[in-house]
N, C-alpha and C. Protein backbone atom coordinates (compact mmCIF):
# COMPACT_ATOMS: atom_id res chain seq x y z
N UNK A 1 -0.58 3.32 18.26
CA UNK A 1 -1.72 4.17 17.97
C UNK A 1 -2.17 3.95 16.53
N UNK A 2 -3.44 3.76 16.34
CA UNK A 2 -4.03 3.56 15.03
C UNK A 2 -4.19 4.90 14.32
N UNK A 3 -3.79 4.94 13.05
CA UNK A 3 -3.92 6.17 12.28
C UNK A 3 -4.68 5.85 10.99
N UNK A 4 -5.71 6.61 10.73
CA UNK A 4 -6.45 6.45 9.48
C UNK A 4 -5.68 7.16 8.37
N UNK A 5 -5.32 6.42 7.35
CA UNK A 5 -4.59 6.97 6.21
C UNK A 5 -5.57 7.40 5.13
N UNK A 6 -6.51 6.52 4.82
CA UNK A 6 -7.53 6.82 3.81
C UNK A 6 -8.84 7.11 4.53
N UNK A 7 -9.17 8.39 4.62
CA UNK A 7 -10.37 8.80 5.35
C UNK A 7 -11.63 8.35 4.59
N UNK A 8 -11.61 8.44 3.28
CA UNK A 8 -12.80 8.10 2.48
C UNK A 8 -13.24 6.66 2.70
N UNK A 9 -12.29 5.75 2.81
CA UNK A 9 -12.59 4.32 2.96
C UNK A 9 -12.28 3.80 4.36
N UNK A 10 -11.88 4.69 5.26
CA UNK A 10 -11.56 4.33 6.66
C UNK A 10 -10.53 3.21 6.74
N UNK A 11 -9.43 3.38 5.99
CA UNK A 11 -8.35 2.38 5.99
C UNK A 11 -7.20 2.90 6.85
N UNK A 12 -6.79 2.07 7.79
CA UNK A 12 -5.75 2.47 8.73
C UNK A 12 -4.35 2.17 8.20
N UNK A 13 -3.37 2.76 8.86
CA UNK A 13 -1.98 2.48 8.53
C UNK A 13 -1.67 1.01 8.78
N UNK A 14 -2.26 0.43 9.80
CA UNK A 14 -2.03 -0.99 10.11
C UNK A 14 -2.52 -1.89 8.98
N UNK A 15 -3.67 -1.57 8.40
CA UNK A 15 -4.20 -2.36 7.30
C UNK A 15 -3.29 -2.26 6.08
N UNK A 16 -2.82 -1.07 5.79
CA UNK A 16 -1.93 -0.90 4.64
C UNK A 16 -0.61 -1.64 4.88
N UNK A 17 -0.07 -1.53 6.09
CA UNK A 17 1.16 -2.26 6.41
C UNK A 17 0.95 -3.76 6.34
N UNK A 18 -0.22 -4.22 6.74
CA UNK A 18 -0.54 -5.64 6.64
C UNK A 18 -0.53 -6.08 5.17
N UNK A 19 -1.11 -5.27 4.31
CA UNK A 19 -1.12 -5.59 2.87
C UNK A 19 0.30 -5.61 2.31
N UNK A 20 1.14 -4.68 2.75
CA UNK A 20 2.54 -4.66 2.31
C UNK A 20 3.25 -5.93 2.80
N UNK A 21 3.02 -6.29 4.05
CA UNK A 21 3.60 -7.53 4.59
C UNK A 21 3.12 -8.76 3.84
N UNK A 22 1.89 -8.69 3.32
CA UNK A 22 1.33 -9.81 2.56
C UNK A 22 1.77 -9.81 1.10
N UNK A 23 2.62 -8.85 0.71
CA UNK A 23 3.17 -8.87 -0.63
C UNK A 23 2.78 -7.73 -1.55
N UNK A 24 1.95 -6.80 -1.09
CA UNK A 24 1.60 -5.66 -1.93
C UNK A 24 2.85 -4.83 -2.20
N UNK A 25 3.12 -4.54 -3.45
CA UNK A 25 4.30 -3.76 -3.83
C UNK A 25 3.96 -2.52 -4.64
N UNK A 26 2.70 -2.39 -5.04
CA UNK A 26 2.30 -1.26 -5.87
C UNK A 26 1.03 -0.62 -5.33
N UNK A 27 0.74 0.57 -5.80
CA UNK A 27 -0.50 1.24 -5.45
C UNK A 27 -1.70 0.42 -5.93
N UNK A 28 -1.57 -0.20 -7.08
CA UNK A 28 -2.66 -1.04 -7.60
C UNK A 28 -2.95 -2.20 -6.65
N UNK A 29 -1.91 -2.79 -6.08
CA UNK A 29 -2.10 -3.87 -5.10
C UNK A 29 -2.88 -3.37 -3.89
N UNK A 30 -2.50 -2.21 -3.39
CA UNK A 30 -3.17 -1.64 -2.22
C UNK A 30 -4.63 -1.36 -2.55
N UNK A 31 -4.88 -0.74 -3.69
CA UNK A 31 -6.26 -0.43 -4.08
C UNK A 31 -7.10 -1.69 -4.19
N UNK A 32 -6.53 -2.73 -4.77
CA UNK A 32 -7.25 -3.98 -4.98
C UNK A 32 -7.59 -4.69 -3.67
N UNK A 33 -6.65 -4.70 -2.75
CA UNK A 33 -6.81 -5.52 -1.56
C UNK A 33 -7.47 -4.82 -0.38
N UNK A 34 -7.41 -3.49 -0.31
CA UNK A 34 -8.04 -2.84 0.85
C UNK A 34 -8.83 -1.59 0.47
N UNK A 35 -8.97 -1.28 -0.77
CA UNK A 35 -9.74 -0.17 -1.34
C UNK A 35 -9.25 1.22 -0.95
N UNK A 36 -8.13 1.32 -0.26
CA UNK A 36 -7.56 2.65 0.01
C UNK A 36 -7.19 3.30 -1.31
N UNK A 37 -7.27 4.61 -1.37
CA UNK A 37 -6.88 5.40 -2.54
C UNK A 37 -7.78 5.19 -3.74
N UNK A 38 -8.99 4.72 -3.52
CA UNK A 38 -9.90 4.51 -4.65
C UNK A 38 -10.99 5.57 -4.74
N UNK A 39 -10.91 6.59 -3.88
CA UNK A 39 -11.94 7.62 -3.92
C UNK A 39 -11.29 8.96 -4.28
N UNK A 40 -10.98 9.81 -3.33
CA UNK A 40 -10.49 11.16 -3.64
C UNK A 40 -8.99 11.20 -3.98
N UNK A 41 -8.23 10.24 -3.47
CA UNK A 41 -6.81 10.17 -3.80
C UNK A 41 -5.88 10.98 -2.91
N UNK A 42 -6.41 11.65 -1.91
CA UNK A 42 -5.53 12.47 -1.06
C UNK A 42 -4.56 11.64 -0.23
N UNK A 43 -4.83 10.35 -0.08
CA UNK A 43 -3.95 9.48 0.70
C UNK A 43 -2.83 8.85 -0.14
N UNK A 44 -2.88 9.02 -1.44
CA UNK A 44 -1.90 8.38 -2.33
C UNK A 44 -0.45 8.71 -1.97
N UNK A 45 -0.08 9.97 -1.73
CA UNK A 45 1.31 10.26 -1.38
C UNK A 45 1.77 9.51 -0.12
N UNK A 46 0.93 9.43 0.88
CA UNK A 46 1.32 8.74 2.11
C UNK A 46 1.45 7.24 1.88
N UNK A 47 0.55 6.66 1.10
CA UNK A 47 0.63 5.23 0.81
C UNK A 47 1.88 4.93 -0.02
N UNK A 48 2.19 5.79 -0.99
CA UNK A 48 3.42 5.59 -1.78
C UNK A 48 4.65 5.63 -0.89
N UNK A 49 4.65 6.54 0.07
CA UNK A 49 5.77 6.61 1.00
C UNK A 49 5.86 5.34 1.83
N UNK A 50 4.73 4.83 2.28
CA UNK A 50 4.72 3.58 3.04
C UNK A 50 5.24 2.43 2.20
N UNK A 51 4.86 2.38 0.94
CA UNK A 51 5.36 1.33 0.05
C UNK A 51 6.87 1.43 -0.11
N UNK A 52 7.38 2.65 -0.27
CA UNK A 52 8.83 2.83 -0.41
C UNK A 52 9.58 2.44 0.86
N UNK A 53 9.08 2.89 1.99
CA UNK A 53 9.78 2.68 3.25
C UNK A 53 9.60 1.29 3.83
N UNK A 54 8.46 0.68 3.59
CA UNK A 54 8.16 -0.59 4.25
C UNK A 54 8.07 -1.76 3.28
N UNK A 55 8.12 -1.46 1.99
CA UNK A 55 8.00 -2.51 0.99
C UNK A 55 9.18 -3.45 1.03
N UNK A 56 9.04 -4.52 0.31
CA UNK A 56 10.08 -5.55 0.27
C UNK A 56 10.75 -5.50 -1.10
N UNK A 57 11.86 -4.79 -1.21
CA UNK A 57 12.49 -4.61 -2.53
C UNK A 57 12.85 -5.92 -3.20
N UNK A 58 13.19 -6.95 -2.42
CA UNK A 58 13.58 -8.22 -3.04
C UNK A 58 12.42 -8.83 -3.82
N UNK A 59 11.18 -8.58 -3.42
CA UNK A 59 10.04 -9.09 -4.18
C UNK A 59 9.92 -8.39 -5.53
N UNK A 60 10.20 -7.09 -5.55
CA UNK A 60 10.14 -6.36 -6.81
C UNK A 60 11.23 -6.83 -7.76
N UNK A 61 12.41 -7.13 -7.22
CA UNK A 61 13.49 -7.62 -8.08
C UNK A 61 13.14 -8.98 -8.68
N UNK A 62 12.55 -9.84 -7.89
CA UNK A 62 12.17 -11.16 -8.39
C UNK A 62 11.13 -11.02 -9.49
N UNK A 63 10.10 -10.20 -9.27
CA UNK A 63 9.06 -10.07 -10.27
C UNK A 63 9.58 -9.37 -11.53
N UNK A 64 10.53 -8.44 -11.39
CA UNK A 64 11.11 -7.80 -12.57
C UNK A 64 11.96 -8.76 -13.38
N UNK A 65 12.69 -9.63 -12.70
CA UNK A 65 13.53 -10.60 -13.40
C UNK A 65 12.72 -11.70 -14.06
N UNK A 66 11.55 -11.98 -13.52
CA UNK A 66 10.72 -13.06 -14.05
C UNK A 66 10.06 -12.66 -15.37
N UNK A 67 9.95 -11.37 -15.62
CA UNK A 67 9.25 -10.90 -16.82
C UNK A 67 10.06 -11.09 -18.08
């Protein structure tokens, strides 16, 4: 079942999960690639939870070590 996470920009949970699968690890990544959370911000807590639960921690470790 499709669920709209960002009502302002009509962004679904599937689109956000797709962005996470494509390497998005931060809220800024999500905003840049699918425009969710760029209007009223009421979807930010849910997107942050999705990033925590579905994100790829090994990518964050690699990018932190590279700095």
